[in-house]
Amino acid sequence: MRIIDLFSGCGGLSLGFQKGGNEIIGAYDFWEPAIECYRDNFSHPITKLDLSNVDYVVKELAGFEFDMIIGGPPCQDFSHAGLRVEGDRANLTLSFSEIIKIIKPKWFVMENVDRALKSSTYSVVRQIFKESGYGLTEVVLDASKCGVPQKRKRLFVIGCLGADDDFIMDDINKNLSKTSMTVRDYFGDELGVSYYYRHPRNYNRRGVFSIDEPAPTIRGVNRPIPDGYTGHSGDPVSVSNNVRPLTTLERARIQTFPKNFKFKGSKTNMEQMIGNAVPVELAKYVAITINNHIKNNSIKMVYYKDNFRVWLNSNKKLTRKSLNDVISRFNRATSFFGDDFIDFNNYQIDEILMKLERNVSFNKLSVSLKSQLRRSFRLYHEFVNDSDTQRNEISLEVA
């Protein structure tokens, strides 16, 4: 799928969905250090944008063709580590839902801390998603069960237009690891230590951890061992036994960023963007699950669209770019119908376009984009009514 990433940060969610087989076509964030880091690691554009300005964001995205919006709105106001007051950052989660409501992509994925699920803001956000026609799968995932050597629990809200609630829950759960991934599972003996220090939020908690357990949640701060640290009863060893804090880049690796991912900026900023990121392998797990769900439940449609691609190439002689644009615009146009079946075989194209014109979200698009979507429908209608396509209809359905 073609994807837009909102609140992208330095790119953990983008990289995971890219590794999961998707194409990220654009990203947006407002924090300059994260934007510069993202730009150094991806070939597609990232734009600085105030994502609280919903109308402006919608206008910015109107010229793009995409199938999904992903994003992790800032979560500090929901976090266990924060003040537990729903303030301005919680409002950014509301902004994300308003953007989804207006644009209505076929799919969206929103990531947040597990605590957000019980917030008053999310109850409003959920209502917006439901009123917009989305089936929702809301699941709290433990990253250590998804290929990440870290005990990090995060909420994922996966939305699909016209689907039932919990439509992908079985797929999400069936491939989770039975055991948690440890730091040693991921690094082997690469770190050169058996124990490391992670500064606790308060001294009622331990600060020393073994590499034979998952790392605790990587936060946006990384402090040295204070001179006054006397230890905790839960520490497996004392801090004198070859114990050190993890380096900034080691913490990035625990977030499953690859070795070649380039971080830049001050140490404080790098630690913050690493702590804020979605672990890459966790995002990849969700992306692969969604793509496999589509393959397993839409075999005929995917195959039919593949044949549409071949037909456009052979009958219309379209360039690869023009062909991809038509396919993407066709996907965008069909998303306005939700789960309704569009009978291109038995209805005239004018009747189908009339149904499209009645859609409120369609009519908010630019004149140029609406024209392009209509053209994609006309081409698809011509394709399914082509005599060669009709002769192959039985083999298409079997495949």
Protein backbone atom coordinates (compact mmCIF):
# COMPACT_ATOMS: atom_id res chain seq x y z
CA MET A 1 0.00 0.00 0.00
CA ARG A 2 0.94 3.64 -0.44
CA ILE A 3 1.17 5.28 2.98
CA ILE A 4 1.36 8.72 4.60
CA ASP A 5 2.98 8.93 8.07
CA LEU A 6 1.73 11.69 10.39
CA PHE A 7 3.65 12.52 13.59
CA SER A 8 6.47 10.51 12.05
CA GLY A 9 9.25 11.45 14.49
CA CYS A 10 12.57 10.05 13.33
CA GLY A 11 10.85 7.23 11.44
CA GLY A 12 10.33 4.05 13.47
CA LEU A 13 6.77 3.52 12.24
CA SER A 14 7.69 4.45 8.67
CA LEU A 15 10.65 2.09 8.57
CA GLY A 16 8.65 -0.79 10.04
CA PHE A 17 5.82 -0.40 7.51
CA GLN A 18 8.37 -0.03 4.73
CA LYS A 19 10.12 -3.23 5.81
CA GLY A 20 6.66 -4.83 5.93
CA GLY A 21 6.28 -4.38 2.17
CA ASN A 22 4.64 -0.97 1.80
CA GLU A 23 5.59 2.30 0.11
CA ILE A 24 5.82 5.40 2.30
CA ILE A 25 5.18 8.35 -0.01
CA GLY A 26 5.38 11.19 2.51
CA ALA A 27 5.83 12.01 6.19
CA TYR A 28 4.96 14.95 8.43
CA ASP A 29 6.18 16.17 11.80
CA PHE A 30 6.76 19.48 13.58
CA TRP A 31 9.96 18.84 15.58
CA GLU A 32 12.94 19.96 13.51
CA PRO A 33 15.60 17.60 14.99
CA ALA A 34 13.43 14.54 14.22
CA ILE A 35 12.69 15.87 10.73
CA GLU A 36 16.41 16.27 9.97
CA CYS A 37 17.08 12.72 11.21
CA TYR A 38 14.20 11.32 9.13
CA ARG A 39 15.41 13.15 6.03
CA ASP A 40 18.86 11.55 6.37
CA ASN A 41 17.40 8.03 6.36
CA PHE A 42 14.60 8.00 3.76
CA SER A 43 14.34 8.93 0.09
CA HIS A 44 10.71 10.11 0.22
CA PRO A 45 9.92 13.65 1.44
CA ILE A 46 9.20 14.73 5.00
CA THR A 47 7.53 18.09 5.62
CA LYS A 48 7.41 20.27 8.70
CA LEU A 49 3.74 20.87 9.45
CA ASP A 50 1.63 21.87 12.43
CA LEU A 51 -0.54 18.76 12.61
CA SER A 52 -2.96 20.40 15.03
CA ASN A 53 -4.20 22.53 12.12
CA VAL A 54 -6.59 19.95 10.67
CA ASP A 55 -7.87 22.04 7.76
CA TYR A 56 -4.36 22.83 6.60
CA VAL A 57 -3.27 19.18 6.87
CA VAL A 58 -6.27 18.05 4.81
CA LYS A 59 -5.47 20.63 2.15
CA GLU A 60 -1.80 19.52 2.12
CA LEU A 61 -2.72 15.85 1.61
CA ALA A 62 -5.35 16.48 -1.07
CA GLY A 63 -2.84 16.18 -3.90
CA PHE A 64 -1.54 12.75 -2.83
CA GLU A 65 -2.80 9.29 -3.73
CA PHE A 66 -2.52 6.84 -0.84
CA ASP A 67 -4.25 3.85 0.73
CA MET A 68 -3.38 4.30 4.40
CA ILE A 69 -2.49 6.91 7.01
CA ILE A 70 -0.31 5.81 9.92
CA GLY A 71 0.75 7.85 12.92
CA GLY A 72 1.70 8.01 16.55
CA PRO A 73 0.36 11.28 17.98
CA PRO A 74 2.50 12.46 20.94
CA CYS A 75 1.54 10.46 23.99
CA GLN A 76 3.12 12.22 26.98
CA ASP A 77 -0.25 13.31 28.36
CA PHE A 78 -1.37 9.67 28.48
CA SER A 79 1.94 8.18 29.58
CA HIS A 80 2.62 6.34 32.83
CA ALA A 81 5.71 8.55 33.09
CA GLY A 82 3.82 11.80 32.65
CA LEU A 83 1.51 13.92 34.77
CA ARG A 84 -1.51 11.83 33.77
CA VAL A 85 -3.39 14.94 32.75
CA GLU A 86 -4.97 15.08 29.32
CA GLY A 87 -3.66 18.32 27.86
CA ASP A 88 -2.53 19.74 24.53
CA ARG A 89 -0.77 16.59 23.36
CA ALA A 90 -3.92 14.56 23.93
CA ASN A 91 -5.60 17.06 21.61
CA LEU A 92 -3.18 15.97 18.87
CA THR A 93 -4.72 12.50 19.07
CA LEU A 94 -8.06 14.21 18.48
CA SER A 95 -6.52 16.07 15.50
CA PHE A 96 -5.41 12.72 14.04
CA SER A 97 -8.97 11.39 14.23
CA GLU A 98 -10.39 14.53 12.61
CA ILE A 99 -7.94 14.18 9.73
CA ILE A 100 -9.02 10.56 9.24
CA LYS A 101 -12.67 11.59 9.40
CA ILE A 102 -12.30 14.11 6.58
CA ILE A 103 -9.89 12.28 4.28
CA LYS A 104 -11.31 8.78 4.86
CA PRO A 105 -8.42 6.61 3.68
CA LYS A 106 -9.31 2.95 3.22
CA TRP A 107 -6.98 2.09 6.12
CA PHE A 108 -5.39 3.82 9.08
CA VAL A 109 -3.15 2.74 11.95
CA MET A 110 -2.76 4.83 15.11
CA GLU A 111 -0.18 3.99 17.77
CA ASN A 112 -0.14 5.26 21.35
CA VAL A 113 0.69 4.20 24.89
CA ASP A 114 -1.55 1.54 26.39
CA ARG A 115 -2.89 4.03 28.95
CA ALA A 116 -4.54 6.05 26.14
CA LEU A 117 -7.16 3.32 25.74
CA LYS A 118 -8.81 4.34 29.03
CA SER A 119 -8.62 8.09 28.47
CA SER A 120 -11.58 10.39 27.95
CA THR A 121 -9.89 11.76 24.82
CA TYR A 122 -9.74 8.32 23.24
CA SER A 123 -13.43 7.71 23.92
CA VAL A 124 -14.15 10.79 21.79
CA VAL A 125 -11.63 9.71 19.15
CA ARG A 126 -13.13 6.24 18.98
CA GLN A 127 -16.59 7.70 18.41
CA ILE A 128 -15.24 9.79 15.53
CA PHE A 129 -13.70 6.72 13.91
CA LYS A 130 -16.92 4.73 14.27
CA GLU A 131 -19.14 7.51 12.92
CA SER A 132 -16.78 7.76 9.93
CA GLY A 133 -17.52 4.15 8.99
CA TYR A 134 -14.42 2.34 10.27
CA GLY A 135 -14.27 -1.13 11.73
CA LEU A 136 -11.70 -1.01 14.53
CA THR A 137 -9.26 -3.51 15.92
CA GLU A 138 -7.91 -2.10 19.20
CA VAL A 139 -5.07 -4.12 20.63
CA VAL A 140 -2.31 -3.55 23.18
CA LEU A 141 0.82 -5.28 21.94
CA ASP A 142 3.87 -6.24 23.98
CA ALA A 143 6.85 -5.43 21.75
CA SER A 144 8.86 -8.31 23.25
CA LYS A 145 6.38 -10.74 21.65
CA CYS A 146 6.83 -9.06 18.24
CA GLY A 147 10.58 -9.34 17.65
CA VAL A 148 11.74 -6.50 19.93
CA PRO A 149 14.05 -7.13 22.93
CA GLN A 150 12.06 -4.74 25.10
CA LYS A 151 9.07 -4.96 27.43
CA ARG A 152 7.15 -2.10 25.83
CA LYS A 153 3.35 -2.15 25.68
CA ARG A 154 1.68 -0.01 23.06
CA LEU A 155 -1.88 0.49 21.82
CA PHE A 156 -2.51 -0.01 18.11
CA VAL A 157 -5.81 1.05 16.61
CA ILE A 158 -6.22 -0.45 13.14
CA GLY A 159 -9.11 0.94 11.12
CA CYS A 160 -10.59 -0.27 7.83
CA LEU A 161 -13.58 1.35 6.11
CA GLY A 162 -16.65 -0.87 6.17
CA ALA A 163 -15.06 -3.67 8.21
CA ASP A 164 -16.42 -5.26 11.38
CA ASP A 165 -14.83 -4.44 14.72
CA ASP A 166 -11.99 -6.82 15.69
CA PHE A 167 -11.74 -7.82 12.00
CA ILE A 168 -7.99 -8.49 12.23
CA MET A 169 -7.69 -9.48 15.90
CA ASP A 170 -7.17 -13.20 15.23
CA ASP A 171 -4.42 -12.44 12.70
CA ILE A 172 -2.70 -10.09 15.16
CA ASN A 173 -2.71 -12.63 17.98
CA LYS A 174 -1.92 -15.87 16.16
CA ASN A 175 1.67 -14.98 15.25
CA LEU A 176 2.74 -13.47 18.57
CA SER A 177 5.75 -15.16 20.10
CA LYS A 178 5.00 -17.42 23.07
CA THR A 179 8.04 -16.05 24.91
CA SER A 180 9.50 -12.58 25.31
CA MET A 181 12.63 -11.69 23.35
CA THR A 182 15.60 -10.95 25.62
CA VAL A 183 18.45 -8.55 24.99
CA ARG A 184 20.78 -11.54 24.57
CA ASP A 185 18.39 -13.10 22.02
CA TYR A 186 18.78 -9.98 19.90
CA PHE A 187 22.43 -9.01 20.46
CA GLY A 188 24.13 -12.26 21.47
CA ASP A 189 27.30 -11.17 23.29
CA GLU A 190 27.72 -8.04 21.17
CA LEU A 191 27.22 -5.61 24.09
CA GLY A 192 30.16 -7.03 26.02
CA VAL A 193 28.27 -6.93 29.34
CA SER A 194 25.87 -9.23 31.15
CA TYR A 195 24.20 -6.44 33.14
CA TYR A 196 23.50 -2.77 32.46
CA TYR A 197 22.13 0.26 34.26
CA ARG A 198 18.87 2.02 33.35
CA HIS A 199 18.06 4.98 35.58
CA PRO A 200 14.79 4.34 37.46
CA ARG A 201 12.01 6.90 37.65
CA ASN A 202 12.36 6.72 41.41
CA TYR A 203 14.54 4.74 43.77
CA ASN A 204 11.69 2.44 44.73
CA ARG A 205 12.47 0.68 41.45
CA ARG A 206 15.55 -1.24 40.45
CA GLY A 207 18.15 0.21 38.10
CA VAL A 208 20.19 -2.86 37.05
CA PHE A 209 18.97 -5.31 34.42
CA SER A 210 20.26 -8.55 32.92
CA ILE A 211 20.66 -9.12 29.19
CA ASP A 212 18.82 -12.41 29.76
CA GLU A 213 15.52 -10.55 30.11
CA PRO A 214 13.73 -8.05 27.86
CA ALA A 215 14.90 -4.47 28.34
CA PRO A 216 12.49 -2.17 30.16
CA THR A 217 10.78 0.49 28.05
CA ILE A 218 13.30 2.77 26.37
CA ARG A 219 12.48 6.30 27.54
CA GLY A 220 13.63 9.67 26.25
CA VAL A 221 16.32 10.10 28.93
CA ASN A 222 19.54 8.16 29.50
CA ARG A 223 21.38 9.11 32.66
CA PRO A 224 24.73 7.86 34.02
CA ILE A 225 24.93 5.91 37.26
CA PRO A 226 24.69 8.56 40.00
CA ASP A 227 27.43 8.55 42.65
CA GLY A 228 24.79 8.16 45.31
CA TYR A 229 23.08 5.09 43.81
CA THR A 230 23.12 2.51 46.63
CA GLY A 231 21.36 -0.24 44.74
CA HIS A 232 17.94 -1.86 45.00
CA SER A 233 16.87 -5.19 46.40
CA GLY A 234 15.70 -6.18 42.92
CA ASP A 235 19.05 -5.50 41.24
CA PRO A 236 20.59 -8.83 40.13
CA VAL A 237 24.13 -7.50 40.83
CA SER A 238 25.62 -4.36 42.35
CA VAL A 239 26.63 -1.47 40.09
CA SER A 240 30.31 -2.20 40.80
CA ASN A 241 30.22 -5.47 38.84
CA ASN A 242 31.05 -4.25 35.30
CA VAL A 243 27.70 -2.49 35.01
CA ARG A 244 27.26 0.53 32.75
CA PRO A 245 24.41 2.42 31.10
CA LEU A 246 23.66 1.56 27.48
CA THR A 247 24.94 4.03 24.90
CA THR A 248 22.58 6.12 22.79
CA LEU A 249 23.10 3.91 19.74
CA GLU A 250 22.68 0.70 21.77
CA ARG A 251 19.33 2.05 22.95
CA ALA A 252 18.42 2.75 19.32
CA ARG A 253 19.25 -0.88 18.52
CA ILE A 254 16.96 -2.05 21.35
CA GLN A 255 14.28 -0.01 19.55
CA THR A 256 15.31 -2.27 16.60
CA PHE A 257 16.65 0.52 14.42
CA PRO A 258 19.26 -1.06 12.14
CA LYS A 259 22.98 -0.38 12.59
CA ASN A 260 23.08 1.79 9.48
CA PHE A 261 20.27 4.13 10.64
CA LYS A 262 21.84 7.58 11.00
CA PHE A 263 21.09 9.67 14.08
CA LYS A 264 22.16 13.28 14.32
CA GLY A 265 21.84 16.24 16.66
CA SER A 266 22.56 16.76 20.34
CA LYS A 267 22.66 13.76 22.67
CA THR A 268 19.55 15.06 24.44
CA ASN A 269 17.61 15.30 21.17
CA MET A 270 18.79 11.91 19.94
CA GLU A 271 17.76 10.24 23.20
CA GLN A 272 14.36 11.92 23.00
CA MET A 273 13.64 10.86 19.42
CA ILE A 274 14.79 7.30 20.13
CA GLY A 275 12.61 7.08 23.24
CA ASN A 276 9.60 8.49 21.38
CA ALA A 277 9.93 6.13 18.40
CA VAL A 278 7.81 3.10 17.63
CA PRO A 279 10.14 0.06 17.65
CA VAL A 280 10.81 -0.78 14.02
CA GLU A 281 10.14 -4.52 14.33
CA LEU A 282 6.90 -3.89 16.23
CA ALA A 283 5.68 -1.67 13.37
CA LYS A 284 6.83 -4.29 10.87
CA TYR A 285 4.83 -6.97 12.72
CA VAL A 286 1.64 -4.89 12.40
CA ALA A 287 2.33 -4.06 8.75
CA ILE A 288 2.92 -7.67 7.74
CA THR A 289 -0.20 -8.78 9.62
CA ILE A 290 -2.33 -6.26 7.71
CA ASN A 291 -0.86 -7.19 4.33
CA ASN A 292 -1.33 -10.91 4.99
CA HIS A 293 -4.92 -10.27 6.08
CA ILE A 294 -5.60 -8.48 2.78
CA LYS A 295 -4.02 -11.30 0.77
CA ASN A 296 -5.95 -14.00 2.60
CA ASN A 297 -9.30 -12.25 2.44
CA SER A 298 -9.18 -10.51 -0.92
CA ILE A 299 -7.54 -13.03 -3.25
CA LYS A 300 -9.92 -12.49 -6.12
CA MET A 301 -9.84 -8.69 -5.87
CA VAL A 302 -6.05 -8.53 -5.68
CA TYR A 303 -5.73 -10.86 -8.65
CA TYR A 304 -8.34 -8.91 -10.56
CA LYS A 305 -6.49 -5.66 -9.94
CA ASP A 306 -3.26 -7.31 -11.04
CA ASN A 307 -4.98 -8.14 -14.31
CA PHE A 308 -6.18 -4.53 -14.51
CA ARG A 309 -2.52 -3.52 -14.27
CA VAL A 310 -1.60 -5.87 -17.13
CA TRP A 311 -4.54 -4.60 -19.19
CA LEU A 312 -3.52 -0.96 -18.69
CA ASN A 313 -0.04 -1.80 -19.83
CA SER A 314 -1.00 -3.84 -22.89
CA ASN A 315 -4.18 -2.07 -24.03
CA LYS A 316 -3.53 1.53 -23.00
CA LYS A 317 0.26 1.56 -23.31
CA LEU A 318 0.62 3.52 -20.09
CA THR A 319 4.02 4.26 -18.63
CA ARG A 320 4.82 2.61 -15.33
CA LYS A 321 4.26 5.87 -13.44
CA SER A 322 0.94 6.58 -15.16
CA LEU A 323 -0.16 3.00 -14.59
CA ASN A 324 0.64 3.17 -10.85
CA ASP A 325 -1.19 6.49 -10.61
CA VAL A 326 -4.34 4.98 -12.15
CA ILE A 327 -4.23 1.99 -9.77
CA SER A 328 -3.69 4.24 -6.76
CA ARG A 329 -6.52 6.57 -7.79
CA PHE A 330 -8.81 3.61 -8.38
CA ASN A 331 -8.07 2.38 -4.84
CA ARG A 332 -8.77 5.86 -3.49
CA ALA A 333 -12.07 6.09 -5.38
CA THR A 334 -13.29 2.68 -4.21
CA SER A 335 -12.53 3.62 -0.58
CA PHE A 336 -15.45 6.08 -0.69
CA PHE A 337 -17.82 3.11 -1.01
CA GLY A 338 -16.58 1.42 2.17
CA ASP A 339 -17.48 -2.27 2.04
CA ASP A 340 -20.26 -1.83 -0.56
CA PHE A 341 -19.89 -3.91 -3.71
CA ILE A 342 -19.51 -1.85 -6.89
CA ASP A 343 -20.90 -3.78 -9.85
CA PHE A 344 -18.78 -2.52 -12.74
CA ASN A 345 -19.99 -5.39 -14.93
CA ASN A 346 -23.73 -4.73 -14.86
CA TYR A 347 -23.98 -0.96 -14.36
CA GLN A 348 -23.24 1.81 -16.81
CA ILE A 349 -20.27 3.97 -15.87
CA ASP A 350 -22.49 7.05 -15.55
CA GLU A 351 -24.56 5.29 -12.87
CA ILE A 352 -21.42 4.36 -10.92
CA LEU A 353 -20.00 7.88 -11.18
CA MET A 354 -23.31 9.28 -9.98
CA LYS A 355 -22.99 7.21 -6.80
CA LEU A 356 -19.46 8.51 -6.36
CA GLU A 357 -20.61 12.11 -6.79
CA ARG A 358 -23.05 11.72 -3.88
CA ASN A 359 -20.22 11.04 -1.44
CA VAL A 360 -19.55 14.04 0.81
CA SER A 361 -15.82 13.28 1.21
CA PHE A 362 -15.38 12.92 -2.54
CA ASN A 363 -16.88 16.35 -3.10
CA LYS A 364 -14.35 17.95 -0.75
CA LEU A 365 -11.50 16.98 -3.09
CA SER A 366 -9.97 19.35 -5.62
CA VAL A 367 -11.48 19.54 -9.11
CA SER A 368 -8.32 18.02 -10.60
CA LEU A 369 -8.24 15.07 -8.20
CA LYS A 370 -11.95 14.31 -8.69
CA SER A 371 -11.34 14.23 -12.44
CA GLN A 372 -8.47 11.78 -12.00
CA LEU A 373 -10.58 9.49 -9.80
CA ARG A 374 -13.41 9.50 -12.35
CA ARG A 375 -10.93 8.58 -15.09
CA SER A 376 -9.67 5.60 -13.05
CA PHE A 377 -13.27 4.34 -12.72
CA ARG A 378 -13.89 4.76 -16.44
CA LEU A 379 -10.77 2.76 -17.25
CA TYR A 380 -11.70 0.00 -14.80
CA HIS A 381 -15.23 -0.14 -16.21
CA GLU A 382 -13.77 -0.50 -19.68
CA PHE A 383 -11.44 -3.22 -18.41
CA VAL A 384 -14.10 -5.43 -16.79
CA ASN A 385 -16.36 -5.08 -19.83
CA ASP A 386 -13.60 -5.82 -22.34
CA SER A 387 -14.33 -9.00 -24.32
CA ASP A 388 -10.95 -10.53 -23.42
CA THR A 389 -11.60 -9.92 -19.73
CA GLN A 390 -15.05 -11.53 -20.03
CA ARG A 391 -13.54 -14.66 -21.61
CA ASN A 392 -11.09 -14.96 -18.71
CA GLU A 393 -13.65 -14.34 -15.96
CA ILE A 394 -13.86 -17.96 -14.78
CA SER A 395 -10.08 -18.35 -14.48
CA LEU A 396 -9.89 -15.06 -12.61
CA GLU A 397 -12.43 -16.22 -10.05
CA VAL A 398 -10.70 -19.57 -9.58
CA ALA A 399 -7.35 -17.85 -9.03
